[in-house]
C-alpha atoms as a PDB file:
ATOM      1  CA  MET A   1      14.458 -55.840  35.440  1.00  0.00           C
ATOM      2  CA  SER A   2      14.994 -52.600  37.532  1.00  0.00           C
ATOM      3  CA  PHE A   3      13.607 -51.044  40.651  1.00  0.00           C
ATOM      4  CA  ASP A   4      12.935 -47.276  39.796  1.00  0.00           C
ATOM      5  CA  GLY A   5      15.999 -46.924  37.608  1.00  0.00           C
ATOM      6  CA  ILE A   6      18.202 -49.404  39.722  1.00  0.00           C
ATOM      7  CA  PRO A   7      19.163 -52.532  37.779  1.00  0.00           C
ATOM      8  CA  GLY A   8      18.196 -55.624  39.200  1.00  0.00           C
ATOM      9  CA  PRO A   9      21.676 -57.186  39.578  1.00  0.00           C
ATOM     10  CA  MET A  10      22.847 -54.070  41.063  1.00  0.00           C
ATOM     11  CA  LEU A  11      20.056 -54.048  43.556  1.00  0.00           C
ATOM     12  CA  ALA A  12      20.892 -57.633  44.545  1.00  0.00           C
ATOM     13  CA  ALA A  13      24.509 -56.545  45.161  1.00  0.00           C
ATOM     14  CA  PHE A  14      23.355 -53.537  47.296  1.00  0.00           C
ATOM     15  CA  LEU A  15      21.132 -55.926  49.400  1.00  0.00           C
ATOM     16  CA  ALA A  16      23.871 -58.267  49.900  1.00  0.00           C
ATOM     17  CA  ALA A  17      26.487 -55.639  51.046  1.00  0.00           C
ATOM     18  CA  SER A  18      23.723 -53.817  53.252  1.00  0.00           C
ATOM     19  CA  PHE A  19      23.251 -57.155  55.148  1.00  0.00           C
ATOM     20  CA  VAL A  20      26.928 -57.607  55.671  1.00  0.00           C
ATOM     21  CA  LEU A  21      27.198 -53.853  56.925  1.00  0.00           C
ATOM     22  CA  ALA A  22      24.140 -54.022  58.951  1.00  0.00           C
ATOM     23  CA  VAL A  23      24.646 -57.500  60.722  1.00  0.00           C
ATOM     24  CA  THR A  24      28.312 -56.476  61.717  1.00  0.00           C
ATOM     25  CA  PRO A  25      28.380 -54.952  65.315  1.00  0.00           C
ATOM     26  CA  GLY A  26      28.927 -51.308  65.445  1.00  0.00           C
ATOM     27  CA  PRO A  27      27.993 -48.386  67.772  1.00  0.00           C
ATOM     28  CA  GLY A  28      24.311 -48.605  66.754  1.00  0.00           C
ATOM     29  CA  VAL A  29      24.216 -52.467  67.512  1.00  0.00           C
ATOM     30  CA  VAL A  30      26.027 -51.693  70.897  1.00  0.00           C
ATOM     31  CA  TYR A  31      23.644 -49.014  71.822  1.00  0.00           C
ATOM     32  CA  ILE A  32      20.591 -51.240  70.973  1.00  0.00           C
ATOM     33  CA  VAL A  33      22.032 -54.240  72.997  1.00  0.00           C
ATOM     34  CA  ALA A  34      22.683 -52.069  76.040  1.00  0.00           C
ATOM     35  CA  ARG A  35      19.186 -50.920  76.063  1.00  0.00           C
ATOM     36  CA  THR A  36      17.843 -54.537  75.752  1.00  0.00           C
ATOM     37  CA  LEU A  37      20.052 -56.044  78.702  1.00  0.00           C
ATOM     38  CA  ALA A  38      19.206 -52.919  80.875  1.00  0.00           C
ATOM     39  CA  GLN A  39      15.409 -52.528  80.336  1.00  0.00           C
ATOM     40  CA  GLY A  40      14.364 -55.620  78.506  1.00  0.00           C
ATOM     41  CA  ARG A  41      13.197 -56.745  74.827  1.00  0.00           C
ATOM     42  CA  GLY A  42      10.396 -53.858  74.668  1.00  0.00           C
ATOM     43  CA  ALA A  43      13.002 -51.195  75.364  1.00  0.00           C
ATOM     44  CA  GLY A  44      15.291 -52.684  72.861  1.00  0.00           C
ATOM     45  CA  LEU A  45      12.838 -52.849  69.972  1.00  0.00           C
ATOM     46  CA  ALA A  46      11.760 -49.216  70.772  1.00  0.00           C
ATOM     47  CA  SER A  47      15.534 -48.396  70.213  1.00  0.00           C
ATOM     48  CA  VAL A  48      15.483 -50.098  66.979  1.00  0.00           C
ATOM     49  CA  ALA A  49      12.559 -48.091  65.740  1.00  0.00           C
ATOM     50  CA  GLY A  50      14.136 -44.793  66.907  1.00  0.00           C
ATOM     51  CA  VAL A  51      17.573 -45.726  65.447  1.00  0.00           C
ATOM     52  CA  ALA A  52      15.936 -46.752  62.181  1.00  0.00           C
ATOM     53  CA  ALA A  53      13.936 -43.350  62.073  1.00  0.00           C
ATOM     54  CA  GLY A  54      17.186 -41.424  62.708  1.00  0.00           C
ATOM     55  CA  ASN A  55      19.229 -43.296  60.076  1.00  0.00           C
ATOM     56  CA  LEU A  56      16.413 -42.761  57.717  1.00  0.00           C
ATOM     57  CA  CYS A  57      16.498 -39.010  58.231  1.00  0.00           C
ATOM     58  CA  ASN A  58      20.259 -39.044  57.558  1.00  0.00           C
ATOM     59  CA  ALA A  59      19.799 -41.357  54.427  1.00  0.00           C
ATOM     60  CA  VAL A  60      17.407 -39.005  52.985  1.00  0.00           C
ATOM     61  CA  GLY A  61      19.482 -35.922  53.967  1.00  0.00           C
ATOM     62  CA  ALA A  62      22.387 -37.522  52.195  1.00  0.00           C
ATOM     63  CA  ALA A  63      20.294 -38.071  48.944  1.00  0.00           C
ATOM     64  CA  LEU A  64      19.386 -34.457  48.989  1.00  0.00           C
ATOM     65  CA  GLY A  65      22.961 -33.035  49.565  1.00  0.00           C
ATOM     66  CA  LEU A  66      23.328 -32.926  53.460  1.00  0.00           C
ATOM     67  CA  ALA A  67      26.271 -35.024  53.261  1.00  0.00           C
ATOM     68  CA  ALA A  68      27.945 -32.679  50.682  1.00  0.00           C
ATOM     69  CA  LEU A  69      27.488 -29.940  53.287  1.00  0.00           C
ATOM     70  CA  PHE A  70      29.285 -31.984  55.874  1.00  0.00           C
ATOM     71  CA  ALA A  71      32.061 -32.946  53.552  1.00  0.00           C
ATOM     72  CA  VAL A  72      32.873 -29.273  52.721  1.00  0.00           C
ATOM     73  CA  SER A  73      32.120 -27.463  55.939  1.00  0.00           C
ATOM     74  CA  SER A  74      34.094 -28.816  59.062  1.00  0.00           C
ATOM     75  CA  LEU A  75      32.068 -26.301  61.228  1.00  0.00           C
ATOM     76  CA  ALA A  76      28.706 -28.050  60.327  1.00  0.00           C
ATOM     77  CA  PHE A  77      30.227 -31.507  60.614  1.00  0.00           C
ATOM     78  CA  SER A  78      31.642 -30.542  63.985  1.00  0.00           C
ATOM     79  CA  VAL A  79      28.690 -28.917  65.346  1.00  0.00           C
ATOM     80  CA  VAL A  80      26.475 -31.998  64.633  1.00  0.00           C
ATOM     81  CA  LYS A  81      29.188 -34.380  65.831  1.00  0.00           C
ATOM     82  CA  TYR A  82      29.807 -32.726  69.350  1.00  0.00           C
ATOM     83  CA  ALA A  83      25.859 -32.269  69.849  1.00  0.00           C
ATOM     84  CA  GLY A  84      25.530 -35.911  69.330  1.00  0.00           C
ATOM     85  CA  ALA A  85      28.487 -36.669  71.570  1.00  0.00           C
ATOM     86  CA  ALA A  86      27.083 -34.591  74.249  1.00  0.00           C
ATOM     87  CA  TYR A  87      23.507 -36.189  74.001  1.00  0.00           C
ATOM     88  CA  LEU A  88      25.154 -39.746  74.467  1.00  0.00           C
ATOM     89  CA  LEU A  89      27.044 -38.479  77.529  1.00  0.00           C
ATOM     90  CA  TYR A  90      23.658 -37.018  78.911  1.00  0.00           C
ATOM     91  CA  LEU A  91      22.184 -40.433  78.533  1.00  0.00           C
ATOM     92  CA  GLY A  92      24.864 -42.204  80.265  1.00  0.00           C
ATOM     93  CA  ILE A  93      24.401 -39.537  83.235  1.00  0.00           C
ATOM     94  CA  LYS A  94      20.820 -40.367  83.247  1.00  0.00           C
ATOM     95  CA  ALA A  95      21.224 -43.949  83.422  1.00  0.00           C
ATOM     96  CA  LEU A  96      23.513 -43.753  86.390  1.00  0.00           C
ATOM     97  CA  ARG A  97      21.018 -41.544  88.193  1.00  0.00           C
ATOM     98  CA  ARG A  98      17.942 -43.696  87.306  1.00  0.00           C
ATOM     99  CA  PRO A  99      17.072 -45.320  90.777  1.00  0.00           C
ATOM    100  CA  ALA A 100      16.278 -48.733  91.357  1.00  0.00           C
ATOM    101  CA  ALA A 101      12.677 -49.194  89.730  1.00  0.00           C
ATOM    102  CA  ILE A 102      11.783 -52.522  90.742  1.00  0.00           C
ATOM    103  CA  ALA A 103       9.790 -53.227  93.797  1.00  0.00           C
ATOM    104  CA  ALA A 104      10.528 -56.919  93.904  1.00  0.00           C
ATOM    105  CA  PRO A 105      13.453 -58.990  92.677  1.00  0.00           C
ATOM    106  CA  GLY A 106      13.112 -60.498  89.165  1.00  0.00           C
ATOM    107  CA  GLU A 107      10.586 -57.574  87.860  1.00  0.00           C
ATOM    108  CA  PHE A 108      11.614 -54.629  85.698  1.00  0.00           C
ATOM    109  CA  ALA A 109       9.618 -51.382  85.849  1.00  0.00           C
ATOM    110  CA  PRO A 110       7.823 -50.934  82.389  1.00  0.00           C
ATOM    111  CA  PRO A 111      10.045 -48.733  80.116  1.00  0.00           C
ATOM    112  CA  HIS A 112       8.787 -45.510  78.526  1.00  0.00           C
ATOM    113  CA  LYS A 113       9.006 -46.748  74.808  1.00  0.00           C
ATOM    114  CA  ARG A 114       8.294 -43.476  73.526  1.00  0.00           C
ATOM    115  CA  ARG A 115      11.086 -41.862  75.188  1.00  0.00           C
ATOM    116  CA  ILE A 116      13.379 -44.683  74.293  1.00  0.00           C
ATOM    117  CA  ALA A 117      12.404 -44.505  70.798  1.00  0.00           C
ATOM    118  CA  ARG A 118      13.131 -40.585  70.775  1.00  0.00           C
ATOM    119  CA  ASP A 119      16.321 -41.315  72.497  1.00  0.00           C
ATOM    120  CA  GLY A 120      17.394 -43.712  69.717  1.00  0.00           C
ATOM    121  CA  PHE A 121      16.307 -41.497  67.077  1.00  0.00           C
ATOM    122  CA  LEU A 122      18.452 -38.511  68.301  1.00  0.00           C
ATOM    123  CA  VAL A 123      21.599 -40.767  68.898  1.00  0.00           C
ATOM    124  CA  ALA A 124      21.419 -41.860  65.159  1.00  0.00           C
ATOM    125  CA  LEU A 125      20.290 -38.408  63.666  1.00  0.00           C
ATOM    126  CA  LEU A 126      23.095 -36.578  65.599  1.00  0.00           C
ATOM    127  CA  ASN A 127      25.708 -38.775  63.921  1.00  0.00           C
ATOM    128  CA  PRO A 128      27.150 -36.959  60.987  1.00  0.00           C
ATOM    129  CA  LYS A 129      29.259 -40.016  59.986  1.00  0.00           C
ATOM    130  CA  THR A 130      26.074 -41.858  59.146  1.00  0.00           C
ATOM    131  CA  ALA A 131      25.092 -39.232  56.559  1.00  0.00           C
ATOM    132  CA  LEU A 132      28.813 -39.394  55.220  1.00  0.00           C
ATOM    133  CA  PHE A 133      28.535 -43.071  55.049  1.00  0.00           C
ATOM    134  CA  PHE A 134      25.230 -43.080  52.992  1.00  0.00           C
ATOM    135  CA  ALA A 135      26.951 -40.264  50.613  1.00  0.00           C
ATOM    136  CA  ALA A 136      29.961 -42.660  50.089  1.00  0.00           C
ATOM    137  CA  PHE A 137      28.071 -45.990  50.027  1.00  0.00           C
ATOM    138  CA  LEU A 138      24.793 -45.409  48.176  1.00  0.00           C
ATOM    139  CA  PRO A 139      26.389 -43.847  44.806  1.00  0.00           C
ATOM    140  CA  GLN A 140      28.183 -47.104  44.260  1.00  0.00           C
ATOM    141  CA  PHE A 141      24.799 -48.871  43.481  1.00  0.00           C
ATOM    142  CA  MET A 142      23.013 -46.009  41.477  1.00  0.00           C
ATOM    143  CA  ASP A 143      22.528 -45.795  37.731  1.00  0.00           C
ATOM    144  CA  GLY A 144      23.850 -42.371  36.391  1.00  0.00           C
ATOM    145  CA  ALA A 145      20.936 -42.390  33.841  1.00  0.00           C
ATOM    146  CA  SER A 146      18.265 -42.003  36.542  1.00  0.00           C
ATOM    147  CA  PRO A 147      17.649 -39.290  39.128  1.00  0.00           C
ATOM    148  CA  ALA A 148      20.221 -39.320  41.760  1.00  0.00           C
ATOM    149  CA  ALA A 149      18.008 -38.114  44.704  1.00  0.00           C
ATOM    150  CA  LEU A 150      15.318 -40.644  44.111  1.00  0.00           C
ATOM    151  CA  GLN A 151      17.646 -43.463  43.680  1.00  0.00           C
ATOM    152  CA  GLY A 152      19.735 -42.549  46.887  1.00  0.00           C
ATOM    153  CA  ALA A 153      16.232 -42.143  48.951  1.00  0.00           C
ATOM    154  CA  LEU A 154      15.139 -45.419  47.924  1.00  0.00           C
ATOM    155  CA  LEU A 155      18.280 -47.180  48.505  1.00  0.00           C
ATOM    156  CA  GLY A 156      18.552 -45.508  51.933  1.00  0.00           C
ATOM    157  CA  VAL A 157      15.248 -46.964  52.835  1.00  0.00           C
ATOM    158  CA  VAL A 158      16.136 -50.349  51.671  1.00  0.00           C
ATOM    159  CA  PHE A 159      19.494 -50.181  53.997  1.00  0.00           C
ATOM    160  CA  VAL A 160      17.345 -48.930  56.934  1.00  0.00           C
ATOM    161  CA  ALA A 161      14.898 -51.878  56.574  1.00  0.00           C
ATOM    162  CA  VAL A 162      17.581 -54.339  56.446  1.00  0.00           C
ATOM    163  CA  ALA A 163      19.449 -52.745  59.283  1.00  0.00           C
ATOM    164  CA  ALA A 164      16.192 -52.788  61.318  1.00  0.00           C
ATOM    165  CA  VAL A 165      15.826 -56.392  60.725  1.00  0.00           C
ATOM    166  CA  THR A 166      19.210 -57.374  61.800  1.00  0.00           C
ATOM    167  CA  ASP A 167      19.008 -54.991  64.720  1.00  0.00           C
ATOM    168  CA  SER A 168      15.825 -56.922  65.890  1.00  0.00           C
ATOM    169  CA  THR A 169      17.655 -59.979  65.848  1.00  0.00           C
ATOM    170  CA  TRP A 170      20.474 -58.763  68.048  1.00  0.00           C
ATOM    171  CA  VAL A 171      17.711 -57.497  70.372  1.00  0.00           C
ATOM    172  CA  LEU A 172      16.306 -61.057  70.691  1.00  0.00           C
ATOM    173  CA  ALA A 173      19.531 -62.645  71.155  1.00  0.00           C
ATOM    174  CA  ALA A 174      20.217 -60.129  73.851  1.00  0.00           C
ATOM    175  CA  HIS A 175      16.923 -60.783  75.502  1.00  0.00           C
ATOM    176  CA  LEU A 176      17.355 -64.439  75.467  1.00  0.00           C
ATOM    177  CA  ALA A 177      20.809 -63.990  77.054  1.00  0.00           C
ATOM    178  CA  SER A 178      19.453 -61.755  79.878  1.00  0.00           C
ATOM    179  CA  ALA A 179      16.539 -64.459  80.608  1.00  0.00           C
ATOM    180  CA  ARG A 180      19.136 -67.060  81.041  1.00  0.00           C
ATOM    181  CA  LEU A 181      21.132 -64.832  83.549  1.00  0.00           C
ATOM    182  CA  GLY A 182      17.839 -64.043  85.399  1.00  0.00           C
ATOM    183  CA  ARG A 183      16.294 -60.680  85.968  1.00  0.00           C
ATOM    184  CA  THR A 184      17.355 -60.060  89.537  1.00  0.00           C
ATOM    185  CA  ARG A 185      17.759 -56.646  91.299  1.00  0.00           C
ATOM    186  CA  ARG A 186      21.546 -57.278  90.967  1.00  0.00           C
ATOM    187  CA  PHE A 187      21.539 -57.911  87.327  1.00  0.00           C
ATOM    188  CA  GLU A 188      19.428 -54.670  86.696  1.00  0.00           C
ATOM    189  CA  THR A 189      22.079 -52.753  88.474  1.00  0.00           C
ATOM    190  CA  LEU A 190      24.832 -54.219  86.474  1.00  0.00           C
ATOM    191  CA  GLY A 191      22.669 -53.466  83.282  1.00  0.00           C
ATOM    192  CA  ARG A 192      22.391 -49.903  84.214  1.00  0.00           C
ATOM    193  CA  TRP A 193      26.199 -49.495  84.751  1.00  0.00           C
ATOM    194  CA  ALA A 194      26.668 -51.290  81.558  1.00  0.00           C
ATOM    195  CA  GLN A 195      24.256 -49.124  79.726  1.00  0.00           C
ATOM    196  CA  ALA A 196      26.016 -45.997  81.160  1.00  0.00           C
ATOM    197  CA  ALA A 197      29.450 -47.089  80.358  1.00  0.00           C
ATOM    198  CA  THR A 198      28.051 -47.766  76.617  1.00  0.00           C
ATOM    199  CA  TYR A 199      26.720 -44.232  76.357  1.00  0.00           C
ATOM    200  CA  PHE A 200      29.904 -42.753  77.618  1.00  0.00           C
ATOM    201  CA  GLY A 201      31.876 -44.840  75.505  1.00  0.00           C
ATOM    202  CA  LEU A 202      30.137 -44.114  72.294  1.00  0.00           C
ATOM    203  CA  GLY A 203      29.961 -40.371  73.117  1.00  0.00           C
ATOM    204  CA  LEU A 204      33.588 -40.196  73.599  1.00  0.00           C
ATOM    205  CA  PHE A 205      34.243 -42.143  70.527  1.00  0.00           C
ATOM    206  CA  THR A 206      31.842 -40.038  68.651  1.00  0.00           C
ATOM    207  CA  ALA A 207      33.746 -36.843  69.802  1.00  0.00           C
ATOM    208  CA  ALA A 208      37.196 -38.411  69.407  1.00  0.00           C
ATOM    209  CA  THR A 209      36.924 -39.740  65.893  1.00  0.00           C
ATOM    210  CA  GLY A 210      37.420 -37.603  62.715  1.00  0.00           C
ATOM    211  CA  SER A 211      35.081 -37.691  59.372  1.00  0.00           C
ATOM    212  CA  ARG A 212      35.359 -41.376  58.743  1.00  0.00           C
ATOM    213  CA  ALA A 213      31.879 -42.909  58.375  1.00  0.00           C
ATOM    214  CA  GLY A 214      30.225 -45.788  60.105  1.00  0.00           C
ATOM    215  CA  ARG A 215      26.957 -47.020  61.190  1.00  0.00           C
END
């Protein structure tokens, strides 16, 4: 039994490896949890959708040879890497400048889910290490006798779907934690500062790290 040229046992191994990698907290999980704590469950799920779309673009790009370009061109890698770092820093500044948006204690202003999803998409898309990760990880589970681009794209879709499920679980856990703490004005202020600190930390991390891949 195979899945578009990918043997069944290999696909099962890929699913297991994808789950372990996706459930492990990384920059993407930190970003999504920060959004959830600062703006609620809806914002967290919108971030999951945006990050998943950005990661899917990276997976397809890796399958089509984009990762090979990053591997041989330090300029291309650096341009995308620093663009992503700059965007994260911009999000941090925007979070700090966002005024208190609640009129009464215990109420959050409705988040702009499309804008949040767009932010998540750009954060994921402008991380070239994700494309390199897919380029290094996916071939381990591909059959050399079948078209590489199609297999890579299909495996990328599967990985992104698994990651979206685990990321959504992180959102629900963060939402429950914030509910226990109480949605007060003070908590929202702390959430905004935590969100800004997360953006700054991820931006500096992205700019400072080399070509090692990671989700």
